N, C-alpha and C. Protein backbone atom coordinates (compact mmCIF):
# COMPACT_ATOMS: atom_id res chain seq x y z
N MET A 1 -49.17 -62.24 -276.13
CA MET A 1 -49.15 -61.74 -277.49
C MET A 1 -49.73 -62.79 -278.42
N ASP A 2 -50.65 -62.38 -279.27
CA ASP A 2 -51.34 -63.31 -280.16
C ASP A 2 -50.61 -63.39 -281.50
N HIS A 3 -50.07 -64.57 -281.78
CA HIS A 3 -49.33 -64.78 -283.04
C HIS A 3 -50.21 -65.45 -284.09
N THR A 4 -51.46 -65.66 -283.78
CA THR A 4 -52.35 -66.37 -284.69
C THR A 4 -52.46 -65.69 -286.04
N ALA A 5 -52.67 -64.37 -286.04
CA ALA A 5 -52.82 -63.64 -287.31
C ALA A 5 -51.54 -63.72 -288.12
N HIS A 6 -50.39 -63.58 -287.46
CA HIS A 6 -49.11 -63.66 -288.16
C HIS A 6 -48.91 -65.07 -288.73
N ASN A 7 -49.18 -66.08 -287.93
CA ASN A 7 -49.00 -67.46 -288.39
C ASN A 7 -49.90 -67.77 -289.58
N THR A 8 -51.12 -67.26 -289.57
CA THR A 8 -52.03 -67.47 -290.70
C THR A 8 -51.47 -66.81 -291.96
N ALA A 9 -50.95 -65.59 -291.81
CA ALA A 9 -50.37 -64.89 -292.96
C ALA A 9 -49.17 -65.66 -293.52
N VAL A 10 -48.34 -66.18 -292.64
CA VAL A 10 -47.18 -66.96 -293.08
C VAL A 10 -47.64 -68.23 -293.77
N GLN A 11 -48.64 -68.89 -293.23
CA GLN A 11 -49.15 -70.10 -293.86
C GLN A 11 -49.75 -69.79 -295.23
N ASP A 12 -50.38 -68.62 -295.36
CA ASP A 12 -50.93 -68.22 -296.65
C ASP A 12 -49.82 -67.97 -297.67
N LEU A 13 -48.71 -67.40 -297.22
CA LEU A 13 -47.58 -67.13 -298.10
C LEU A 13 -46.83 -68.40 -298.48
N HIS A 14 -46.82 -69.36 -297.58
CA HIS A 14 -46.02 -70.57 -297.76
C HIS A 14 -46.88 -71.82 -297.54
N PRO A 15 -47.84 -72.07 -298.43
CA PRO A 15 -48.68 -73.26 -298.27
C PRO A 15 -47.83 -74.52 -298.24
N GLU A 16 -48.20 -75.43 -297.37
CA GLU A 16 -47.43 -76.66 -297.20
C GLU A 16 -47.24 -77.40 -298.52
N ALA A 17 -48.27 -77.46 -299.32
CA ALA A 17 -48.18 -78.19 -300.60
C ALA A 17 -47.11 -77.57 -301.50
N ASP A 18 -47.03 -76.23 -301.52
CA ASP A 18 -46.02 -75.56 -302.35
C ASP A 18 -44.62 -75.84 -301.83
N VAL A 19 -44.45 -75.78 -300.52
CA VAL A 19 -43.14 -76.03 -299.93
C VAL A 19 -42.72 -77.48 -300.18
N ARG A 20 -43.65 -78.40 -300.03
CA ARG A 20 -43.33 -79.81 -300.30
C ARG A 20 -42.93 -80.02 -301.77
N ARG A 21 -43.65 -79.37 -302.68
CA ARG A 21 -43.33 -79.48 -304.11
C ARG A 21 -41.94 -78.93 -304.38
N GLN A 22 -41.62 -77.79 -303.78
CA GLN A 22 -40.28 -77.22 -303.96
C GLN A 22 -39.21 -78.17 -303.44
N ARG A 23 -39.45 -78.76 -302.27
CA ARG A 23 -38.47 -79.69 -301.70
C ARG A 23 -38.25 -80.88 -302.63
N ARG A 24 -39.33 -81.41 -303.19
CA ARG A 24 -39.20 -82.55 -304.11
C ARG A 24 -38.43 -82.16 -305.37
N ASN A 25 -38.55 -80.90 -305.79
CA ASN A 25 -37.93 -80.46 -307.03
C ASN A 25 -36.49 -79.99 -306.88
N ILE A 26 -35.99 -79.88 -305.66
CA ILE A 26 -34.63 -79.38 -305.46
C ILE A 26 -33.59 -80.19 -306.24
N PRO A 27 -33.60 -81.53 -306.16
CA PRO A 27 -32.58 -82.27 -306.94
C PRO A 27 -32.68 -82.02 -308.44
N VAL A 28 -33.89 -81.87 -308.95
CA VAL A 28 -34.08 -81.61 -310.38
C VAL A 28 -33.53 -80.23 -310.72
N LEU A 29 -33.84 -79.23 -309.89
CA LEU A 29 -33.35 -77.87 -310.12
C LEU A 29 -31.83 -77.83 -310.09
N ILE A 30 -31.24 -78.48 -309.10
CA ILE A 30 -29.78 -78.51 -309.01
C ILE A 30 -29.19 -79.15 -310.27
N GLY A 31 -29.78 -80.26 -310.71
CA GLY A 31 -29.30 -80.92 -311.93
C GLY A 31 -29.42 -80.02 -313.15
N ASN A 32 -30.54 -79.30 -313.26
CA ASN A 32 -30.72 -78.39 -314.40
C ASN A 32 -29.72 -77.24 -314.36
N LEU A 33 -29.49 -76.68 -313.18
CA LEU A 33 -28.53 -75.57 -313.07
C LEU A 33 -27.11 -76.06 -313.37
N LYS A 34 -26.77 -77.25 -312.89
CA LYS A 34 -25.44 -77.80 -313.20
C LYS A 34 -25.29 -78.06 -314.70
N ALA A 35 -26.36 -78.58 -315.31
CA ALA A 35 -26.32 -78.83 -316.75
C ALA A 35 -26.14 -77.53 -317.53
N ALA A 36 -26.64 -76.43 -316.96
CA ALA A 36 -26.50 -75.12 -317.60
C ALA A 36 -25.16 -74.46 -317.26
N GLY A 37 -24.34 -75.12 -316.41
CA GLY A 37 -23.00 -74.61 -316.12
C GLY A 37 -22.84 -73.95 -314.77
N LEU A 38 -23.89 -73.88 -313.96
CA LEU A 38 -23.80 -73.26 -312.63
C LEU A 38 -23.60 -74.37 -311.60
N ASN A 39 -22.45 -74.36 -310.94
CA ASN A 39 -22.05 -75.49 -310.11
C ASN A 39 -21.85 -75.18 -308.63
N MET A 40 -21.78 -73.93 -308.26
CA MET A 40 -21.48 -73.58 -306.88
C MET A 40 -22.62 -73.95 -305.94
N PRO A 41 -22.29 -74.37 -304.73
CA PRO A 41 -23.34 -74.62 -303.73
C PRO A 41 -24.17 -73.34 -303.52
N GLY A 42 -25.46 -73.51 -303.47
CA GLY A 42 -26.33 -72.38 -303.19
C GLY A 42 -26.96 -71.73 -304.41
N VAL A 43 -26.56 -72.12 -305.62
CA VAL A 43 -27.17 -71.49 -306.79
C VAL A 43 -28.66 -71.81 -306.86
N ASP A 44 -29.03 -72.99 -306.40
CA ASP A 44 -30.45 -73.34 -306.39
C ASP A 44 -31.23 -72.47 -305.41
N THR A 45 -30.62 -72.15 -304.29
CA THR A 45 -31.27 -71.28 -303.30
C THR A 45 -31.44 -69.87 -303.86
N ALA A 46 -30.42 -69.38 -304.54
CA ALA A 46 -30.51 -68.05 -305.15
C ALA A 46 -31.63 -68.03 -306.20
N TYR A 47 -31.70 -69.08 -306.99
CA TYR A 47 -32.73 -69.17 -308.03
C TYR A 47 -34.12 -69.19 -307.40
N ARG A 48 -34.33 -70.07 -306.42
CA ARG A 48 -35.65 -70.18 -305.79
C ARG A 48 -36.03 -68.92 -305.05
N ALA A 49 -35.08 -68.28 -304.38
CA ALA A 49 -35.38 -67.03 -303.66
C ALA A 49 -35.80 -65.93 -304.63
N ALA A 50 -35.13 -65.85 -305.77
CA ALA A 50 -35.49 -64.85 -306.76
C ALA A 50 -36.90 -65.09 -307.30
N LEU A 51 -37.22 -66.34 -307.56
CA LEU A 51 -38.58 -66.66 -308.02
C LEU A 51 -39.61 -66.27 -306.97
N PHE A 52 -39.32 -66.57 -305.72
CA PHE A 52 -40.26 -66.23 -304.65
C PHE A 52 -40.46 -64.71 -304.55
N ALA A 53 -39.38 -63.98 -304.83
CA ALA A 53 -39.45 -62.51 -304.75
C ALA A 53 -40.13 -61.90 -305.98
N GLY A 54 -40.51 -62.74 -306.95
CA GLY A 54 -41.26 -62.24 -308.10
C GLY A 54 -40.48 -62.15 -309.39
N ALA A 55 -39.26 -62.66 -309.41
CA ALA A 55 -38.46 -62.61 -310.63
C ALA A 55 -39.01 -63.58 -311.68
N THR A 56 -38.72 -63.28 -312.92
CA THR A 56 -39.01 -64.21 -314.01
C THR A 56 -37.98 -65.34 -313.95
N ASP A 57 -38.21 -66.40 -314.71
CA ASP A 57 -37.21 -67.48 -314.78
C ASP A 57 -35.87 -66.94 -315.29
N GLU A 58 -35.93 -66.04 -316.24
CA GLU A 58 -34.71 -65.46 -316.79
C GLU A 58 -33.92 -64.71 -315.72
N MET A 59 -34.60 -63.89 -314.94
CA MET A 59 -33.91 -63.12 -313.90
C MET A 59 -33.50 -64.01 -312.73
N ALA A 60 -34.27 -65.04 -312.43
CA ALA A 60 -33.88 -65.98 -311.37
C ALA A 60 -32.60 -66.70 -311.76
N TRP A 61 -32.47 -67.05 -313.06
CA TRP A 61 -31.24 -67.69 -313.52
C TRP A 61 -30.06 -66.72 -313.37
N GLU A 62 -30.30 -65.44 -313.65
CA GLU A 62 -29.24 -64.45 -313.49
C GLU A 62 -28.87 -64.28 -312.01
N ALA A 63 -29.85 -64.41 -311.12
CA ALA A 63 -29.55 -64.36 -309.68
C ALA A 63 -28.65 -65.54 -309.30
N ALA A 64 -28.91 -66.70 -309.89
CA ALA A 64 -28.07 -67.86 -309.64
C ALA A 64 -26.66 -67.63 -310.21
N ARG A 65 -26.58 -67.01 -311.38
CA ARG A 65 -25.26 -66.69 -311.96
C ARG A 65 -24.51 -65.70 -311.06
N ARG A 66 -25.22 -64.70 -310.55
CA ARG A 66 -24.59 -63.72 -309.65
C ARG A 66 -24.04 -64.42 -308.42
N HIS A 67 -24.81 -65.37 -307.88
CA HIS A 67 -24.34 -66.13 -306.73
C HIS A 67 -23.07 -66.90 -307.09
N GLU A 68 -23.08 -67.54 -308.24
CA GLU A 68 -21.90 -68.29 -308.69
C GLU A 68 -20.68 -67.37 -308.76
N LEU A 69 -20.85 -66.20 -309.36
CA LEU A 69 -19.73 -65.26 -309.46
C LEU A 69 -19.26 -64.80 -308.08
N ALA A 70 -20.20 -64.57 -307.17
CA ALA A 70 -19.83 -64.14 -305.82
C ALA A 70 -19.04 -65.24 -305.10
N MET A 71 -19.40 -66.48 -305.35
CA MET A 71 -18.69 -67.59 -304.71
C MET A 71 -17.31 -67.81 -305.32
N ILE A 72 -17.17 -67.54 -306.60
CA ILE A 72 -15.86 -67.68 -307.25
C ILE A 72 -14.89 -66.66 -306.69
N GLY A 73 -15.33 -65.42 -306.55
CA GLY A 73 -14.45 -64.35 -306.09
C GLY A 73 -13.70 -63.73 -307.26
N PHE A 74 -12.72 -62.91 -306.94
CA PHE A 74 -11.96 -62.21 -307.97
C PHE A 74 -10.47 -62.54 -307.86
N PRO A 75 -9.78 -62.55 -308.99
CA PRO A 75 -8.36 -62.90 -308.98
C PRO A 75 -7.51 -62.03 -308.05
N ASP A 76 -7.83 -60.75 -307.97
CA ASP A 76 -7.00 -59.87 -307.14
C ASP A 76 -7.21 -60.10 -305.64
N GLU A 77 -8.15 -60.96 -305.28
CA GLU A 77 -8.36 -61.28 -303.87
C GLU A 77 -7.41 -62.38 -303.38
N ILE A 78 -6.66 -62.98 -304.28
CA ILE A 78 -5.69 -64.01 -303.90
C ILE A 78 -4.39 -63.32 -303.51
N SER A 79 -4.00 -63.53 -302.29
CA SER A 79 -2.81 -62.88 -301.76
C SER A 79 -1.55 -63.67 -302.11
N ASP A 80 -0.46 -62.96 -302.31
CA ASP A 80 0.83 -63.59 -302.55
C ASP A 80 1.45 -64.10 -301.25
N ALA A 81 0.97 -63.61 -300.13
CA ALA A 81 1.57 -63.92 -298.83
C ALA A 81 1.60 -65.43 -298.61
N GLY A 82 2.78 -65.94 -298.39
CA GLY A 82 2.95 -67.35 -298.07
C GLY A 82 2.84 -68.29 -299.26
N LEU A 83 2.70 -67.74 -300.46
CA LEU A 83 2.59 -68.58 -301.65
C LEU A 83 3.77 -68.34 -302.58
N ASP A 84 4.13 -69.38 -303.27
CA ASP A 84 5.08 -69.24 -304.36
C ASP A 84 4.41 -68.34 -305.40
N LEU A 85 5.14 -67.35 -305.94
CA LEU A 85 4.53 -66.41 -306.88
C LEU A 85 3.92 -67.10 -308.10
N SER A 86 4.55 -68.16 -308.59
CA SER A 86 4.00 -68.84 -309.75
C SER A 86 2.69 -69.56 -309.38
N LYS A 87 2.61 -70.07 -308.15
CA LYS A 87 1.38 -70.72 -307.71
C LYS A 87 0.26 -69.70 -307.56
N ALA A 88 0.56 -68.54 -306.99
CA ALA A 88 -0.45 -67.49 -306.83
C ALA A 88 -0.95 -67.04 -308.20
N GLU A 89 -0.04 -66.88 -309.15
CA GLU A 89 -0.44 -66.46 -310.49
C GLU A 89 -1.30 -67.52 -311.16
N ALA A 90 -0.97 -68.79 -310.98
CA ALA A 90 -1.77 -69.87 -311.55
C ALA A 90 -3.18 -69.88 -310.94
N MET A 91 -3.26 -69.62 -309.64
CA MET A 91 -4.56 -69.56 -308.97
C MET A 91 -5.39 -68.39 -309.51
N ARG A 92 -4.73 -67.26 -309.74
CA ARG A 92 -5.44 -66.08 -310.29
C ARG A 92 -5.97 -66.39 -311.70
N LYS A 93 -5.13 -67.03 -312.51
CA LYS A 93 -5.57 -67.38 -313.87
C LYS A 93 -6.72 -68.35 -313.83
N ARG A 94 -6.68 -69.31 -312.94
CA ARG A 94 -7.76 -70.29 -312.81
C ARG A 94 -9.06 -69.60 -312.41
N ARG A 95 -8.96 -68.69 -311.45
CA ARG A 95 -10.16 -67.98 -311.00
C ARG A 95 -10.72 -67.11 -312.13
N GLN A 96 -9.84 -66.45 -312.88
CA GLN A 96 -10.31 -65.62 -314.00
C GLN A 96 -10.98 -66.48 -315.06
N ALA A 97 -10.44 -67.68 -315.29
CA ALA A 97 -11.06 -68.60 -316.26
C ALA A 97 -12.45 -69.02 -315.80
N LEU A 98 -12.62 -69.25 -314.51
CA LEU A 98 -13.94 -69.59 -313.97
C LEU A 98 -14.92 -68.43 -314.17
N ILE A 99 -14.46 -67.22 -313.92
CA ILE A 99 -15.30 -66.03 -314.11
C ILE A 99 -15.70 -65.90 -315.57
N ASP A 100 -14.72 -66.01 -316.46
CA ASP A 100 -14.99 -65.88 -317.89
C ASP A 100 -15.99 -66.93 -318.37
N THR A 101 -15.81 -68.16 -317.89
CA THR A 101 -16.73 -69.24 -318.26
C THR A 101 -18.14 -68.94 -317.77
N CYS A 102 -18.25 -68.52 -316.52
CA CYS A 102 -19.56 -68.23 -315.94
C CYS A 102 -20.25 -67.09 -316.69
N ARG A 103 -19.50 -66.06 -316.99
CA ARG A 103 -20.09 -64.91 -317.70
C ARG A 103 -20.50 -65.26 -319.13
N SER A 104 -19.86 -66.25 -319.72
CA SER A 104 -20.18 -66.61 -321.11
C SER A 104 -21.34 -67.60 -321.22
N LEU A 105 -21.79 -68.13 -320.11
CA LEU A 105 -22.89 -69.10 -320.16
C LEU A 105 -24.15 -68.45 -320.72
N PRO A 106 -24.82 -69.12 -321.64
CA PRO A 106 -26.09 -68.57 -322.11
C PRO A 106 -27.18 -68.81 -321.07
N ASN A 107 -28.02 -67.82 -320.88
CA ASN A 107 -29.16 -67.97 -319.99
C ASN A 107 -30.22 -68.76 -320.76
N PRO A 108 -30.57 -69.95 -320.29
CA PRO A 108 -31.51 -70.78 -321.05
C PRO A 108 -32.92 -70.18 -321.15
N PHE A 109 -33.21 -69.17 -320.34
CA PHE A 109 -34.52 -68.55 -320.35
C PHE A 109 -34.56 -67.27 -321.18
N ALA A 110 -33.41 -66.82 -321.65
CA ALA A 110 -33.35 -65.59 -322.45
C ALA A 110 -33.91 -65.87 -323.83
N LEU A 111 -34.63 -64.91 -324.37
CA LEU A 111 -35.15 -65.06 -325.72
C LEU A 111 -33.99 -65.17 -326.69
N GLY A 112 -34.05 -66.15 -327.55
CA GLY A 112 -33.02 -66.32 -328.56
C GLY A 112 -31.71 -66.87 -328.00
N ALA A 113 -31.74 -67.48 -326.81
CA ALA A 113 -30.51 -68.02 -326.22
C ALA A 113 -29.97 -69.15 -327.09
N ASP A 114 -28.67 -69.12 -327.31
CA ASP A 114 -28.01 -70.19 -328.09
C ASP A 114 -27.56 -71.25 -327.10
N LEU A 115 -28.39 -72.24 -326.88
CA LEU A 115 -28.11 -73.26 -325.88
C LEU A 115 -27.04 -74.24 -326.34
N SER A 116 -26.69 -74.22 -327.59
CA SER A 116 -25.65 -75.13 -328.06
C SER A 116 -24.29 -74.73 -327.50
N VAL A 117 -24.14 -73.46 -327.08
CA VAL A 117 -22.88 -73.00 -326.51
C VAL A 117 -22.61 -73.73 -325.20
N ALA A 118 -23.67 -73.95 -324.42
CA ALA A 118 -23.50 -74.61 -323.12
C ALA A 118 -23.24 -76.12 -323.27
N ALA A 119 -23.63 -76.68 -324.37
CA ALA A 119 -23.48 -78.14 -324.54
C ALA A 119 -22.09 -78.55 -324.88
């Protein structure tokens, strides 16, 4: 089976220079996303994947926010089983606070974004 045509197409989609540039920029991207309030592991991957799929910077940032929310989870997913009820309730409140904070973050790429809120 000849994989030459497939390999050429993949190389055309992912030129080495572009991949190297992305790798060099990962620490900068992570720092920028953290500065904007997105802290969960993988938000940079969500952002870069969205850009590769054709998203604008604004929508890529929203993909990173969606990833952050998915990693946080929801308060009702915390089970009372084996926990002191007051501890479970405190964990639910903490998770809800994380969700509320994430949802309130301004998207730095949105037109008219108030970036002073994030500072």
